[in-house]
Structure formats: structure tokens, C-alpha cells
Amino acid sequence: MVIVHVKHKDDSQFLFVTTLKTTVNELVNSVVAIYNGRLKIQRICSEMEELAKYGTLFPPEILGLTEEQVEELKLTDPWGEKCIPSGGYTYEKDPIGRRNGRKPSKAMQDVLTNAIAEAKEMISKKLVIQGKCLTMKTVQEAINILKGAVTIVYPMKLPPHDTIRMEFENTEDLTGTQASLEIIDPNTAQIWFCGKEMYREGKTVGDYVGKVENCKVIMKISKRGEGPPGREPVMSEEERKQLMLHAYRKQEELKKIEKDDDDSYLNSDWADSSNLKKTFHGLNNISWRP
């Protein structure tokens, strides 16, 4: 069992379990599928948060228009009348004008927000620190949880143009969006180990990692043309902080030792061995000024 700590650039993504006999091509396809799946869940969660606040999405012909323009062109939102959330709704105007403002009741909002929190927890980057590995099955389960919550609130389904429904049906069009720049194409994806690209044709994980089955390695994925990612630092950020803290404490200890070795106290009256004699002869506090 080989545990792969997957990174994109310098950001930790997730842990993935594989074997030495797994081909590099299979490894890349599996890792990229999980990576893109996490991005998909994040997009769905972002839209579901807006759904809970402002209701369903306006049709494409209304998006980007002001209320006056919609009235002037006599445009309507027929799906807004069909897709009424369970338990009714209250009106909350969308400040950016993307959604119709018919937000679900408090109970149905909780259904959506709880599902969002659970899905995010299932794919969180904190799993790397906890030592838990991520699989495509877990990613699909998170999507199913989100889909189930939306079905509870909108049993008649969302409008076909709503981005959440398109994400669930895998018909989303991300052309020209920031999200499209984040997705990695599995056919052209590259994976790197120790600063070297792992070639996909005819190679296995063992050809690069070695013959020790039980090990943990760091691999980085990237798009073709991005070039090799930066090498891992010699020490982690936490180790660097601990080293600086140790150096600071050592410096303070040396300062304290130097202070303890200071012999300036010998000029004090109480350290003068002839002070008692001067007292008896009345030679203390003598000023030679007129």
C-alpha cells in the first residue's frame, strides 16, 4: 500500500491509496477524477448557499437585466412559479439579481446548510492532517448528499437552467469562467515525483517510488505546459518556526549569562572592603568641591 499525498502546486489536496503495481496512467486518471470531483462539490456548495438565501436561478434571458428592462421586454420566469420550495417561501431580493428571491423556509434552509457542511467535511483538506485517505466513492457520496437535500427542498426538481441541476446531471458549461481554469483535463494531466515527471506510457508507480510497498510519498499534479512544480522545502513551515523559536530562546539565555557575569557590581559601596574603615573615620560622603 502506497499512500500518496497529492498536491497541486504547493497546496495540499488529499491523500490517496495506491499500489506499486498500479500504472501511472491509472494513477493520474484516479487522482484527477478526485481532484475535479472536489472542485465540483465546492461549486455546488457555493450555489446551494445562494439557493438557500435567494431561491432558484432566473432564466438565461432575464439574467443581467434590471427590473425595468424585464418589465419593458415583458419577460417572465415560468419556472419560478413551478419550483416552489417545500414548506413555502419568503421573499428576499438577490442583490446581484441572479435568483428570484423566493428563499425556502428556515427548516428547509437548515436542510440545505447541513448538507453543505457535511459534504465539505467529507472532502476537507483537514483529512490530510488527520491521515484519512479520499476516494472517488467518498466524493460521489458527498454529491449524493447534496442532491438528496435539494430534492427534499425542491421535490419537483430545480429549473433545467439552474447551475445546481446542471452540475448534478453533468451538463454544466463552464466555458469562460474561473472554474474552467481550475479543472485539470485527465487526458493531458501530468504528475510529478521528486521533481521529475512520471511518464504514463508503460510505467508503474513502483518504477518511480521504489520497491518498498508500505510508504508515503508526495506527488504533485499539474496541467500540461505549466512546467515542473517547485520542489518541496527542506523543512516545513512549522519546523522552521520551531527552529527560529529555539534560536531566539538560546539567544536570550546567552544574554542572561552575560548579564550574570557582569562585574560592575564591584564599584558599589557594599562591595568595598574598606567601607567600614571609612565609616569609622568619617570619610564617607566627602565632597571636594568648595
C-alpha atoms as a PDB file:
ATOM      1  CA  MET A   1       0.000   0.000   0.000  1.00  0.00           C
ATOM      2  CA  VAL A   2       1.430   3.331  -1.077  1.00  0.00           C
ATOM      3  CA  ILE A   3      -0.118   6.459   0.413  1.00  0.00           C
ATOM      4  CA  VAL A   4       0.181   9.393  -1.974  1.00  0.00           C
ATOM      5  CA  HIS A   5      -0.014  12.903  -0.573  1.00  0.00           C
ATOM      6  CA  VAL A   6      -1.436  14.739  -3.587  1.00  0.00           C
ATOM      7  CA  LYS A   7      -0.576  18.404  -4.045  1.00  0.00           C
ATOM      8  CA  HIS A   8      -1.396  20.973  -6.690  1.00  0.00           C
ATOM      9  CA  LYS A   9       1.429  23.490  -6.872  1.00  0.00           C
ATOM     10  CA  ASP A  10       2.257  23.903  -3.149  1.00  0.00           C
ATOM     11  CA  ASP A  11      -1.251  23.319  -1.775  1.00  0.00           C
ATOM     12  CA  SER A  12      -2.145  20.022  -0.115  1.00  0.00           C
ATOM     13  CA  GLN A  13      -5.243  18.435  -1.637  1.00  0.00           C
ATOM     14  CA  PHE A  14      -5.863  14.919  -0.274  1.00  0.00           C
ATOM     15  CA  LEU A  15      -4.360  11.513   0.499  1.00  0.00           C
ATOM     16  CA  PHE A  16      -4.819   8.678  -1.966  1.00  0.00           C
ATOM     17  CA  VAL A  17      -4.079   4.963  -1.602  1.00  0.00           C
ATOM     18  CA  THR A  18      -2.481   3.037  -4.463  1.00  0.00           C
ATOM     19  CA  THR A  19      -0.020   0.163  -5.016  1.00  0.00           C
ATOM     20  CA  LEU A  20       3.384  -0.254  -6.631  1.00  0.00           C
ATOM     21  CA  LYS A  21       1.825  -2.279  -9.461  1.00  0.00           C
ATOM     22  CA  THR A  22      -0.655   0.450 -10.406  1.00  0.00           C
ATOM     23  CA  THR A  23       0.181   2.009 -13.745  1.00  0.00           C
ATOM     24  CA  VAL A  24       0.977   5.707 -13.818  1.00  0.00           C
ATOM     25  CA  ASN A  25      -1.878   6.203 -16.291  1.00  0.00           C
ATOM     26  CA  GLU A  26      -4.388   4.684 -13.842  1.00  0.00           C
ATOM     27  CA  LEU A  27      -2.942   6.733 -11.007  1.00  0.00           C
ATOM     28  CA  VAL A  28      -3.257  10.005 -12.924  1.00  0.00           C
ATOM     29  CA  ASN A  29      -6.829   9.290 -14.017  1.00  0.00           C
ATOM     30  CA  SER A  30      -7.908   8.393 -10.462  1.00  0.00           C
ATOM     31  CA  VAL A  31      -6.186  11.366  -8.834  1.00  0.00           C
ATOM     32  CA  VAL A  32      -7.514  13.860 -11.401  1.00  0.00           C
ATOM     33  CA  ALA A  33     -11.054  12.442 -11.075  1.00  0.00           C
ATOM     34  CA  ILE A  34     -10.986  13.047  -7.321  1.00  0.00           C
ATOM     35  CA  TYR A  35      -9.396  16.470  -7.746  1.00  0.00           C
ATOM     36  CA  ASN A  36     -12.051  17.589 -10.257  1.00  0.00           C
ATOM     37  CA  GLY A  37     -14.758  15.972  -8.104  1.00  0.00           C
ATOM     38  CA  ARG A  38     -13.731  18.107  -5.139  1.00  0.00           C
ATOM     39  CA  LEU A  39     -13.937  21.209  -7.319  1.00  0.00           C
ATOM     40  CA  LYS A  40     -17.413  20.142  -8.460  1.00  0.00           C
ATOM     41  CA  ILE A  41     -18.605  19.770  -4.866  1.00  0.00           C
ATOM     42  CA  GLN A  42     -17.221  23.192  -3.987  1.00  0.00           C
ATOM     43  CA  ARG A  43     -19.085  24.753  -6.925  1.00  0.00           C
ATOM     44  CA  ILE A  44     -22.340  23.026  -5.950  1.00  0.00           C
ATOM     45  CA  CYS A  45     -21.993  24.084  -2.317  1.00  0.00           C
ATOM     46  CA  SER A  46     -21.376  27.688  -3.336  1.00  0.00           C
ATOM     47  CA  GLU A  47     -24.522  27.736  -5.478  1.00  0.00           C
ATOM     48  CA  MET A  48     -26.579  25.931  -2.835  1.00  0.00           C
ATOM     49  CA  GLU A  49     -25.665  28.617  -0.309  1.00  0.00           C
ATOM     50  CA  GLU A  50     -27.147  31.170  -2.715  1.00  0.00           C
ATOM     51  CA  LEU A  51     -30.149  28.895  -3.316  1.00  0.00           C
ATOM     52  CA  ALA A  52     -30.880  28.829   0.422  1.00  0.00           C
ATOM     53  CA  LYS A  53     -30.757  32.635   0.570  1.00  0.00           C
ATOM     54  CA  TYR A  54     -32.428  33.765  -2.652  1.00  0.00           C
ATOM     55  CA  GLY A  55     -34.253  30.861  -4.310  1.00  0.00           C
ATOM     56  CA  THR A  56     -33.904  29.469  -7.831  1.00  0.00           C
ATOM     57  CA  LEU A  57     -31.955  30.953 -10.719  1.00  0.00           C
ATOM     58  CA  PHE A  58     -33.587  33.288 -13.254  1.00  0.00           C
ATOM     59  CA  PRO A  59     -33.808  32.040 -16.860  1.00  0.00           C
ATOM     60  CA  PRO A  60     -30.851  32.999 -19.106  1.00  0.00           C
ATOM     61  CA  GLU A  61     -32.920  35.641 -20.938  1.00  0.00           C
ATOM     62  CA  ILE A  62     -33.518  37.541 -17.676  1.00  0.00           C
ATOM     63  CA  LEU A  63     -30.038  37.266 -16.176  1.00  0.00           C
ATOM     64  CA  GLY A  64     -28.153  40.551 -16.325  1.00  0.00           C
ATOM     65  CA  LEU A  65     -31.253  42.693 -16.873  1.00  0.00           C
ATOM     66  CA  THR A  66     -32.714  45.245 -14.474  1.00  0.00           C
ATOM     67  CA  GLU A  67     -36.309  45.003 -13.241  1.00  0.00           C
ATOM     68  CA  GLU A  68     -37.271  47.875 -15.557  1.00  0.00           C
ATOM     69  CA  GLN A  69     -35.784  46.100 -18.561  1.00  0.00           C
ATOM     70  CA  VAL A  70     -37.572  42.864 -17.664  1.00  0.00           C
ATOM     71  CA  GLU A  71     -40.908  44.704 -17.469  1.00  0.00           C
ATOM     72  CA  GLU A  72     -40.249  46.601 -20.691  1.00  0.00           C
ATOM     73  CA  LEU A  73     -39.420  43.388 -22.575  1.00  0.00           C
ATOM     74  CA  LYS A  74     -42.318  41.582 -20.866  1.00  0.00           C
ATOM     75  CA  LEU A  75     -40.137  38.679 -19.806  1.00  0.00           C
ATOM     76  CA  THR A  76     -41.354  36.173 -17.217  1.00  0.00           C
ATOM     77  CA  ASP A  77     -39.917  33.410 -15.072  1.00  0.00           C
ATOM     78  CA  PRO A  78     -42.325  30.460 -15.540  1.00  0.00           C
ATOM     79  CA  TRP A  79     -40.055  28.118 -13.597  1.00  0.00           C
ATOM     80  CA  GLY A  80     -40.256  30.398 -10.579  1.00  0.00           C
ATOM     81  CA  GLU A  81     -43.964  29.517 -10.296  1.00  0.00           C
ATOM     82  CA  LYS A  82     -43.356  25.788 -10.745  1.00  0.00           C
ATOM     83  CA  CYS A  83     -40.359  25.396  -8.422  1.00  0.00           C
ATOM     84  CA  ILE A  84     -41.809  26.372  -5.060  1.00  0.00           C
ATOM     85  CA  PRO A  85     -39.760  25.094  -2.086  1.00  0.00           C
ATOM     86  CA  SER A  86     -41.369  22.682   0.361  1.00  0.00           C
ATOM     87  CA  GLY A  87     -42.888  24.499   3.318  1.00  0.00           C
ATOM     88  CA  GLY A  88     -43.361  27.733   1.380  1.00  0.00           C
ATOM     89  CA  TYR A  89     -41.040  30.690   0.955  1.00  0.00           C
ATOM     90  CA  THR A  90     -40.379  34.280   1.946  1.00  0.00           C
ATOM     91  CA  TYR A  91     -39.127  36.978  -0.398  1.00  0.00           C
ATOM     92  CA  GLU A  92     -35.503  38.088  -0.111  1.00  0.00           C
ATOM     93  CA  LYS A  93     -34.236  40.111  -3.069  1.00  0.00           C
ATOM     94  CA  ASP A  94     -30.978  38.916  -4.569  1.00  0.00           C
ATOM     95  CA  PRO A  95     -28.609  41.937  -4.507  1.00  0.00           C
ATOM     96  CA  ILE A  96     -26.878  40.790  -7.712  1.00  0.00           C
ATOM     97  CA  GLY A  97     -30.092  39.828  -9.491  1.00  0.00           C
ATOM     98  CA  ARG A  98     -29.259  36.186 -10.329  1.00  0.00           C
ATOM     99  CA  ARG A  99     -32.035  34.500  -8.350  1.00  0.00           C
ATOM    100  CA  ASN A 100     -35.755  35.157  -7.959  1.00  0.00           C
ATOM    101  CA  GLY A 101     -35.692  35.919  -4.213  1.00  0.00           C
ATOM    102  CA  ARG A 102     -38.054  33.112  -3.146  1.00  0.00           C
ATOM    103  CA  LYS A 103     -35.955  31.695  -0.362  1.00  0.00           C
ATOM    104  CA  PRO A 104     -37.078  28.492   1.418  1.00  0.00           C
ATOM    105  CA  SER A 105     -38.415  28.419   4.970  1.00  0.00           C
ATOM    106  CA  LYS A 106     -35.996  28.242   7.909  1.00  0.00           C
ATOM    107  CA  ALA A 107     -36.407  24.472   8.254  1.00  0.00           C
ATOM    108  CA  MET A 108     -35.636  23.874   4.567  1.00  0.00           C
ATOM    109  CA  GLN A 109     -32.682  26.259   4.738  1.00  0.00           C
ATOM    110  CA  ASP A 110     -31.288  24.127   7.547  1.00  0.00           C
ATOM    111  CA  VAL A 111     -31.617  21.023   5.364  1.00  0.00           C
ATOM    112  CA  LEU A 112     -29.509  22.686   2.676  1.00  0.00           C
ATOM    113  CA  THR A 113     -26.905  24.186   5.011  1.00  0.00           C
ATOM    114  CA  ASN A 114     -26.465  20.945   6.967  1.00  0.00           C
ATOM    115  CA  ALA A 115     -25.906  19.029   3.731  1.00  0.00           C
ATOM    116  CA  ILE A 116     -23.379  21.632   2.590  1.00  0.00           C
ATOM    117  CA  ALA A 117     -21.463  21.391   5.870  1.00  0.00           C
ATOM    118  CA  GLU A 118     -21.434  17.577   5.740  1.00  0.00           C
ATOM    119  CA  ALA A 119     -20.258  17.471   2.111  1.00  0.00           C
ATOM    120  CA  LYS A 120     -17.473  19.973   2.760  1.00  0.00           C
ATOM    121  CA  GLU A 121     -16.314  17.961   5.760  1.00  0.00           C
ATOM    122  CA  MET A 122     -16.116  14.793   3.658  1.00  0.00           C
ATOM    123  CA  ILE A 123     -13.650  16.357   1.195  1.00  0.00           C
ATOM    124  CA  SER A 124     -11.891  18.783   3.532  1.00  0.00           C
ATOM    125  CA  LYS A 125      -8.143  19.326   3.270  1.00  0.00           C
ATOM    126  CA  LYS A 126      -8.041  18.693   7.015  1.00  0.00           C
ATOM    127  CA  LEU A 127      -8.262  14.980   6.169  1.00  0.00           C
ATOM    128  CA  VAL A 128      -4.582  15.184   5.195  1.00  0.00           C
ATOM    129  CA  ILE A 129      -3.648  16.220   8.736  1.00  0.00           C
ATOM    130  CA  GLN A 130      -5.922  13.512  10.143  1.00  0.00           C
ATOM    131  CA  GLY A 131      -4.268  10.906   7.924  1.00  0.00           C
ATOM    132  CA  LYS A 132      -7.542   9.929   6.206  1.00  0.00           C
ATOM    133  CA  CYS A 133      -7.468   8.969   2.536  1.00  0.00           C
ATOM    134  CA  LEU A 134     -10.003  10.160  -0.024  1.00  0.00           C
ATOM    135  CA  THR A 135     -11.651   8.000  -2.687  1.00  0.00           C
ATOM    136  CA  MET A 136     -13.922   8.668  -5.636  1.00  0.00           C
ATOM    137  CA  LYS A 137     -16.638   6.787  -3.752  1.00  0.00           C
ATOM    138  CA  THR A 138     -16.499   9.357  -0.952  1.00  0.00           C
ATOM    139  CA  VAL A 139     -16.686  12.187  -3.481  1.00  0.00           C
ATOM    140  CA  GLN A 140     -19.776  10.614  -5.069  1.00  0.00           C
ATOM    141  CA  GLU A 141     -21.377  10.119  -1.653  1.00  0.00           C
ATOM    142  CA  ALA A 142     -20.896  13.819  -0.904  1.00  0.00           C
ATOM    143  CA  ILE A 143     -22.570  14.724  -4.216  1.00  0.00           C
ATOM    144  CA  ASN A 144     -25.461  12.371  -3.406  1.00  0.00           C
ATOM    145  CA  ILE A 145     -25.936  14.050  -0.022  1.00  0.00           C
ATOM    146  CA  LEU A 146     -26.184  17.451  -1.702  1.00  0.00           C
ATOM    147  CA  LYS A 147     -28.532  16.091  -4.354  1.00  0.00           C
ATOM    148  CA  GLY A 148     -30.743  14.492  -1.703  1.00  0.00           C
ATOM    149  CA  ALA A 149     -31.015  17.757   0.240  1.00  0.00           C
ATOM    150  CA  VAL A 150     -32.036  19.690  -2.893  1.00  0.00           C
ATOM    151  CA  THR A 151     -34.624  17.012  -3.717  1.00  0.00           C
ATOM    152  CA  ILE A 152     -36.126  17.345  -0.229  1.00  0.00           C
ATOM    153  CA  VAL A 153     -36.488  21.111  -0.582  1.00  0.00           C
ATOM    154  CA  TYR A 154     -37.437  21.050  -4.280  1.00  0.00           C
ATOM    155  CA  PRO A 155     -39.148  17.676  -4.941  1.00  0.00           C
ATOM    156  CA  MET A 156     -40.272  18.904  -8.381  1.00  0.00           C
ATOM    157  CA  LYS A 157     -36.575  19.466  -9.273  1.00  0.00           C
ATOM    158  CA  LEU A 158     -34.834  22.745  -9.967  1.00  0.00           C
ATOM    159  CA  PRO A 159     -35.269  24.567 -13.275  1.00  0.00           C
ATOM    160  CA  PRO A 160     -33.260  22.949 -16.097  1.00  0.00           C
ATOM    161  CA  HIS A 161     -31.190  26.135 -16.457  1.00  0.00           C
ATOM    162  CA  ASP A 162     -30.184  26.209 -12.775  1.00  0.00           C
ATOM    163  CA  THR A 163     -26.444  25.574 -12.439  1.00  0.00           C
ATOM    164  CA  ILE A 164     -27.004  23.225  -9.474  1.00  0.00           C
ATOM    165  CA  ARG A 165     -29.211  20.897 -11.519  1.00  0.00           C
ATOM    166  CA  MET A 166     -26.772  21.013 -14.431  1.00  0.00           C
ATOM    167  CA  GLU A 167     -23.928  20.085 -12.066  1.00  0.00           C
ATOM    168  CA  PHE A 168     -25.896  17.087 -10.793  1.00  0.00           C
ATOM    169  CA  GLU A 169     -26.689  15.996 -14.357  1.00  0.00           C
ATOM    170  CA  ASN A 170     -23.111  16.661 -15.544  1.00  0.00           C
ATOM    171  CA  THR A 171     -24.334  19.061 -18.224  1.00  0.00           C
ATOM    172  CA  GLU A 172     -22.688  22.184 -16.795  1.00  0.00           C
ATOM    173  CA  ASP A 173     -20.967  24.581 -19.193  1.00  0.00           C
ATOM    174  CA  LEU A 174     -18.016  26.289 -17.518  1.00  0.00           C
ATOM    175  CA  THR A 175     -16.687  27.952 -20.657  1.00  0.00           C
ATOM    176  CA  GLY A 176     -15.244  31.387 -19.911  1.00  0.00           C
ATOM    177  CA  THR A 177     -15.499  31.018 -16.128  1.00  0.00           C
ATOM    178  CA  GLN A 178     -12.811  30.949 -13.465  1.00  0.00           C
ATOM    179  CA  ALA A 179     -13.883  27.411 -12.600  1.00  0.00           C
ATOM    180  CA  SER A 180     -12.867  26.231 -16.074  1.00  0.00           C
ATOM    181  CA  LEU A 181      -9.294  27.343 -15.375  1.00  0.00           C
ATOM    182  CA  GLU A 182      -9.108  25.244 -12.216  1.00  0.00           C
ATOM    183  CA  ILE A 183     -10.220  21.962 -13.794  1.00  0.00           C
ATOM    184  CA  ILE A 184      -7.470  19.589 -14.968  1.00  0.00           C
ATOM    185  CA  ASP A 185      -8.009  17.566 -18.134  1.00  0.00           C
ATOM    186  CA  PRO A 186      -7.277  13.884 -17.291  1.00  0.00           C
ATOM    187  CA  ASN A 187      -6.014  13.252 -20.839  1.00  0.00           C
ATOM    188  CA  THR A 188      -3.261  15.865 -20.621  1.00  0.00           C
ATOM    189  CA  ALA A 189      -2.635  15.917 -16.857  1.00  0.00           C
ATOM    190  CA  GLN A 190       0.884  15.400 -15.539  1.00  0.00           C
ATOM    191  CA  ILE A 191       2.029  14.000 -12.212  1.00  0.00           C
ATOM    192  CA  TRP A 192       5.426  14.688 -10.646  1.00  0.00           C
ATOM    193  CA  PHE A 193       7.518  12.870  -8.068  1.00  0.00           C
ATOM    194  CA  CYS A 194      10.781  14.252  -6.628  1.00  0.00           C
ATOM    195  CA  GLY A 195      10.776  16.998  -9.257  1.00  0.00           C
ATOM    196  CA  LYS A 196      10.538  14.551 -12.166  1.00  0.00           C
ATOM    197  CA  GLU A 197       7.570  13.835 -14.390  1.00  0.00           C
ATOM    198  CA  MET A 198       6.132  10.327 -14.118  1.00  0.00           C
ATOM    199  CA  TYR A 199       5.596   9.152 -17.690  1.00  0.00           C
ATOM    200  CA  ARG A 200       2.259   7.467 -18.251  1.00  0.00           C
ATOM    201  CA  GLU A 201       3.100   5.015 -21.019  1.00  0.00           C
ATOM    202  CA  GLY A 202       4.279   1.596 -19.823  1.00  0.00           C
ATOM    203  CA  LYS A 203       5.307   2.778 -16.346  1.00  0.00           C
ATOM    204  CA  THR A 204       4.105   1.775 -12.897  1.00  0.00           C
ATOM    205  CA  VAL A 205       4.206   3.553  -9.547  1.00  0.00           C
ATOM    206  CA  GLY A 206       6.955   1.164  -8.424  1.00  0.00           C
ATOM    207  CA  ASP A 207       9.220   2.285 -11.280  1.00  0.00           C
ATOM    208  CA  TYR A 208       9.463   5.695  -9.611  1.00  0.00           C
ATOM    209  CA  VAL A 209       8.767   5.137  -5.926  1.00  0.00           C
ATOM    210  CA  GLY A 210      10.891   2.002  -5.442  1.00  0.00           C
ATOM    211  CA  LYS A 211      10.224  -1.483  -4.151  1.00  0.00           C
ATOM    212  CA  VAL A 212       9.043  -0.659  -0.612  1.00  0.00           C
ATOM    213  CA  GLU A 213       5.291  -1.254  -0.631  1.00  0.00           C
ATOM    214  CA  ASN A 214       4.378   0.407   2.660  1.00  0.00           C
ATOM    215  CA  CYS A 215       5.437   4.012   2.207  1.00  0.00           C
ATOM    216  CA  LYS A 216       4.116   7.548   1.981  1.00  0.00           C
ATOM    217  CA  VAL A 217       5.175   9.873  -0.834  1.00  0.00           C
ATOM    218  CA  ILE A 218       4.347  13.358  -2.088  1.00  0.00           C
ATOM    219  CA  MET A 219       3.217  13.773  -5.686  1.00  0.00           C
ATOM    220  CA  LYS A 220       2.068  16.885  -7.500  1.00  0.00           C
ATOM    221  CA  ILE A 221      -0.426  17.152 -10.341  1.00  0.00           C
ATOM    222  CA  SER A 222      -0.443  19.873 -12.965  1.00  0.00           C
ATOM    223  CA  LYS A 223      -1.715  20.790 -16.389  1.00  0.00           C
ATOM    224  CA  ARG A 224       0.449  20.189 -19.424  1.00  0.00           C
ATOM    225  CA  GLY A 225       2.543  23.234 -20.181  1.00  0.00           C
ATOM    226  CA  GLU A 226       2.712  24.535 -16.609  1.00  0.00           C
ATOM    227  CA  GLY A 227       6.225  23.169 -16.215  1.00  0.00           C
ATOM    228  CA  PRO A 228       7.643  21.263 -13.245  1.00  0.00           C
ATOM    229  CA  PRO A 229       6.264  22.335  -9.868  1.00  0.00           C
ATOM    230  CA  GLY A 230       8.569  23.670  -7.195  1.00  0.00           C
ATOM    231  CA  ARG A 231      10.457  21.179  -5.066  1.00  0.00           C
ATOM    232  CA  GLU A 232       9.405  20.540  -1.511  1.00  0.00           C
ATOM    233  CA  PRO A 233      11.231  22.733   1.054  1.00  0.00           C
ATOM    234  CA  VAL A 234      13.897  21.117   3.230  1.00  0.00           C
ATOM    235  CA  MET A 235      11.753  21.811   6.288  1.00  0.00           C
ATOM    236  CA  SER A 236       8.098  22.559   6.749  1.00  0.00           C
ATOM    237  CA  GLU A 237       6.760  25.920   7.896  1.00  0.00           C
ATOM    238  CA  GLU A 238       6.112  24.516  11.377  1.00  0.00           C
ATOM    239  CA  GLU A 239       9.652  23.125  11.618  1.00  0.00           C
ATOM    240  CA  ARG A 240      11.067  26.483  10.510  1.00  0.00           C
ATOM    241  CA  LYS A 241       9.063  28.276  13.224  1.00  0.00           C
ATOM    242  CA  GLN A 242      10.292  25.838  15.864  1.00  0.00           C
ATOM    243  CA  LEU A 243      13.895  26.336  14.731  1.00  0.00           C
ATOM    244  CA  MET A 244      13.556  30.129  14.938  1.00  0.00           C
ATOM    245  CA  LEU A 245      11.941  29.830  18.366  1.00  0.00           C
ATOM    246  CA  HIS A 246      14.807  27.633  19.578  1.00  0.00           C
ATOM    247  CA  ALA A 247      17.384  30.140  18.262  1.00  0.00           C
ATOM    248  CA  TYR A 248      15.577  33.009  19.994  1.00  0.00           C
ATOM    249  CA  ARG A 249      15.489  31.164  23.328  1.00  0.00           C
ATOM    250  CA  LYS A 250      19.185  30.332  23.000  1.00  0.00           C
ATOM    251  CA  GLN A 251      19.964  33.978  22.319  1.00  0.00           C
ATOM    252  CA  GLU A 252      18.016  35.083  25.386  1.00  0.00           C
ATOM    253  CA  GLU A 253      19.847  32.532  27.536  1.00  0.00           C
ATOM    254  CA  LEU A 254      23.228  33.846  26.338  1.00  0.00           C
ATOM    255  CA  LYS A 255      22.156  37.408  27.148  1.00  0.00           C
ATOM    256  CA  LYS A 256      21.186  36.309  30.645  1.00  0.00           C
ATOM    257  CA  ILE A 257      24.523  34.557  31.165  1.00  0.00           C
ATOM    258  CA  GLU A 258      26.427  37.637  30.008  1.00  0.00           C
ATOM    259  CA  LYS A 259      24.437  39.769  32.423  1.00  0.00           C
ATOM    260  CA  ASP A 260      25.189  37.391  35.289  1.00  0.00           C
ATOM    261  CA  ASP A 261      28.935  37.604  34.503  1.00  0.00           C
ATOM    262  CA  ASP A 262      28.941  41.396  34.687  1.00  0.00           C
ATOM    263  CA  ASP A 263      31.358  42.592  37.487  1.00  0.00           C
ATOM    264  CA  SER A 264      30.193  46.226  37.567  1.00  0.00           C
ATOM    265  CA  TYR A 265      28.701  45.495  40.981  1.00  0.00           C
ATOM    266  CA  LEU A 266      32.290  45.731  42.383  1.00  0.00           C
ATOM    267  CA  ASN A 267      32.015  49.545  42.214  1.00  0.00           C
ATOM    268  CA  SER A 268      29.093  49.509  44.661  1.00  0.00           C
ATOM    269  CA  ASP A 269      29.594  50.708  48.277  1.00  0.00           C
ATOM    270  CA  TRP A 270      28.505  47.414  49.770  1.00  0.00           C
ATOM    271  CA  ALA A 271      31.252  45.614  47.803  1.00  0.00           C
ATOM    272  CA  ASP A 272      34.027  47.948  49.060  1.00  0.00           C
ATOM    273  CA  SER A 273      36.125  46.027  51.617  1.00  0.00           C
ATOM    274  CA  SER A 274      37.325  49.302  53.226  1.00  0.00           C
ATOM    275  CA  ASN A 275      33.842  50.738  53.635  1.00  0.00           C
ATOM    276  CA  LEU A 276      33.707  50.003  57.407  1.00  0.00           C
ATOM    277  CA  LYS A 277      37.052  51.747  57.998  1.00  0.00           C
ATOM    278  CA  LYS A 278      35.899  54.815  56.067  1.00  0.00           C
ATOM    279  CA  THR A 279      32.737  54.941  58.159  1.00  0.00           C
ATOM    280  CA  PHE A 280      34.676  54.990  61.482  1.00  0.00           C
ATOM    281  CA  HIS A 281      36.987  57.721  60.203  1.00  0.00           C
ATOM    282  CA  GLY A 282      34.114  59.780  58.835  1.00  0.00           C
ATOM    283  CA  LEU A 283      35.383  59.596  55.287  1.00  0.00           C
ATOM    284  CA  ASN A 284      32.055  58.725  53.656  1.00  0.00           C
ATOM    285  CA  ASN A 285      30.160  61.247  51.513  1.00  0.00           C
ATOM    286  CA  ILE A 286      33.111  63.627  51.246  1.00  0.00           C
ATOM    287  CA  SER A 287      32.818  66.270  48.539  1.00  0.00           C
ATOM    288  CA  TRP A 288      35.950  68.006  47.337  1.00  0.00           C
ATOM    289  CA  ARG A 289      34.036  70.859  45.787  1.00  0.00           C
ATOM    290  CA  PRO A 290      34.024  74.281  47.632  1.00  0.00           C
END
